[in-house]
Amino acid sequence: QVQLVESGGGLVQAGGSLRLSCATSGRTFSRYTMAWFRQAPGMEREFVAASTRSGGTTLYADFVKGRFTISRDNAGNTGYLQMNSLKPEDTAIYYCASRAYYSSSYRASRDYNYWGQGSQVTVSS
């Protein structure tokens, strides 16, 4: 079993930055693809970013390209999402997710079988 725990959320003004962390335990982190999703009130959960096991390949939703960076420290069993130039529309609960199996699909919630509890990010205008 894999446990994921997010931290680093909070309240920030528009244009500010936050870094989310996703601490993992239970299995070797380097064997897992990881991703970040978010869910705003009344909206469906949406893909934000993903990283392959080595971190050598990253994918981003168009609305965060150039502003957010996904990274991982496999030795420290932790993933990160650096969020810069935050906008009010980035307000949501952010979830980290992971999977151990191979798939060519990265952008759907169903592609992942382990989830954290979520971290609230609020961006004020």
Protein backbone atom coordinates (compact mmCIF):
# COMPACT_ATOMS: atom_id res chain seq x y z
CA GLN A 1 0.00 0.00 0.00
CA VAL A 2 1.19 3.51 -0.83
CA GLN A 3 0.40 6.54 1.28
CA LEU A 4 0.55 10.06 -0.15
CA VAL A 5 0.45 13.18 2.02
CA GLU A 6 0.28 16.65 0.49
CA SER A 7 1.43 19.82 2.20
CA GLY A 8 2.27 23.39 1.31
CA GLY A 9 -1.11 24.77 0.36
CA GLY A 10 -2.48 28.03 1.69
CA LEU A 11 -3.67 31.51 0.85
CA VAL A 12 -1.66 33.68 -1.53
CA GLN A 13 -2.27 36.84 -3.51
CA ALA A 14 -2.51 36.78 -7.27
CA GLY A 15 0.95 36.75 -8.81
CA GLY A 16 2.41 34.92 -5.83
CA SER A 17 3.95 31.47 -5.51
CA LEU A 18 3.45 28.28 -3.54
CA ARG A 19 5.19 24.94 -3.53
CA LEU A 20 3.21 21.81 -2.83
CA SER A 21 4.89 18.69 -1.54
CA CYS A 22 3.73 15.09 -1.77
CA ALA A 23 5.44 12.81 0.71
CA THR A 24 5.11 9.12 -0.07
CA SER A 25 5.61 5.97 1.96
CA GLY A 26 4.97 2.30 1.63
CA ARG A 27 6.84 1.51 -1.59
CA THR A 28 9.83 2.66 -3.59
CA PHE A 29 8.86 6.06 -4.91
CA SER A 30 11.07 5.76 -7.99
CA ARG A 31 8.85 2.96 -9.30
CA TYR A 32 5.82 5.23 -9.47
CA THR A 33 4.58 7.66 -12.03
CA MET A 34 3.26 10.70 -10.19
CA ALA A 35 0.84 13.46 -11.06
CA TRP A 36 -1.02 16.45 -9.70
CA PHE A 37 -4.71 17.11 -10.18
CA ARG A 38 -6.97 19.82 -8.86
CA GLN A 39 -10.65 20.25 -8.15
CA ALA A 40 -12.44 23.55 -7.76
CA PRO A 41 -15.87 23.79 -6.08
CA GLY A 42 -18.59 22.48 -8.35
CA MET A 43 -16.06 21.34 -10.95
CA GLU A 44 -14.68 17.98 -11.96
CA ARG A 45 -11.17 16.99 -10.98
CA GLU A 46 -8.72 18.04 -13.68
CA PHE A 47 -5.20 17.14 -14.67
CA VAL A 48 -2.44 19.61 -13.83
CA ALA A 49 0.91 17.88 -14.38
CA ALA A 50 2.61 14.47 -14.45
CA SER A 51 6.12 13.10 -14.16
CA THR A 52 7.46 9.76 -15.30
CA ARG A 53 9.31 7.55 -12.86
CA SER A 54 12.72 9.06 -13.43
CA GLY A 55 11.40 12.58 -13.79
CA GLY A 56 12.89 12.70 -17.24
CA THR A 57 9.57 13.41 -18.91
CA THR A 58 6.97 15.85 -17.65
CA LEU A 59 3.56 16.80 -18.99
CA TYR A 60 1.42 19.82 -18.22
CA ALA A 61 -2.08 21.03 -18.77
CA ASP A 62 -2.10 23.98 -21.13
CA PHE A 63 -3.42 26.34 -18.49
CA VAL A 64 -0.31 25.89 -16.27
CA LYS A 65 2.44 25.71 -18.85
CA GLY A 66 5.18 28.17 -18.07
CA ARG A 67 3.85 28.80 -14.57
CA PHE A 68 3.93 25.43 -12.77
CA THR A 69 6.79 22.94 -12.52
CA ILE A 70 6.50 19.34 -11.40
CA SER A 71 9.57 17.68 -9.93
CA ARG A 72 10.51 14.77 -7.74
CA ASP A 73 13.18 13.68 -5.31
CA ASN A 74 13.22 9.91 -5.57
CA ALA A 75 15.82 9.55 -2.85
CA GLY A 76 13.62 11.57 -0.52
CA ASN A 77 10.39 9.89 -1.64
CA THR A 78 8.80 13.28 -2.29
CA GLY A 79 7.18 14.95 -5.24
CA TYR A 80 6.69 18.68 -5.73
CA LEU A 81 4.59 21.16 -7.62
CA GLN A 82 6.08 24.64 -7.82
CA MET A 83 3.36 27.12 -8.67
CA ASN A 84 4.32 30.62 -9.82
CA SER A 85 2.30 33.55 -11.16
CA LEU A 86 -0.78 32.20 -9.45
CA LYS A 87 -4.19 33.39 -10.59
CA PRO A 88 -7.54 33.41 -8.76
CA GLU A 89 -8.74 30.71 -11.14
CA ASP A 90 -6.03 28.41 -9.76
CA THR A 91 -8.00 28.23 -6.51
CA ALA A 92 -8.78 24.56 -5.86
CA ILE A 93 -7.92 21.54 -3.79
CA TYR A 94 -4.75 20.02 -5.21
CA TYR A 95 -4.22 16.28 -5.10
CA CYS A 96 -1.12 14.23 -5.77
CA ALA A 97 -1.60 10.83 -7.35
CA SER A 98 0.58 7.92 -8.34
CA ARG A 99 0.59 4.53 -10.02
CA ALA A 100 3.06 1.67 -10.31
CA TYR A 101 1.88 0.18 -13.59
CA TYR A 102 2.82 1.34 -17.07
CA SER A 103 0.31 3.27 -19.13
CA SER A 104 0.64 5.67 -22.03
CA SER A 105 -2.18 7.72 -20.56
CA TYR A 106 -1.40 10.34 -17.96
CA ARG A 107 -4.20 12.90 -17.94
CA ALA A 108 -7.22 11.06 -16.56
CA SER A 109 -8.02 10.44 -12.90
CA ARG A 110 -8.66 6.79 -13.70
CA ASP A 111 -5.01 6.43 -14.71
CA TYR A 112 -3.96 6.56 -11.04
CA ASN A 113 -4.76 4.26 -8.16
CA TYR A 114 -3.15 6.08 -5.22
CA TRP A 115 -4.28 9.49 -4.01
CA GLY A 116 -3.45 11.94 -1.28
CA GLN A 117 -6.01 13.71 0.86
CA GLY A 118 -5.66 17.04 -0.92
CA SER A 119 -4.26 20.46 -0.08
CA GLN A 120 -6.26 23.67 -0.39
CA VAL A 121 -4.80 26.46 -2.50
CA THR A 122 -6.60 29.81 -2.44
CA VAL A 123 -5.49 32.71 -4.63
CA SER A 124 -6.97 36.10 -3.82
CA SER A 125 -7.35 38.86 -6.38
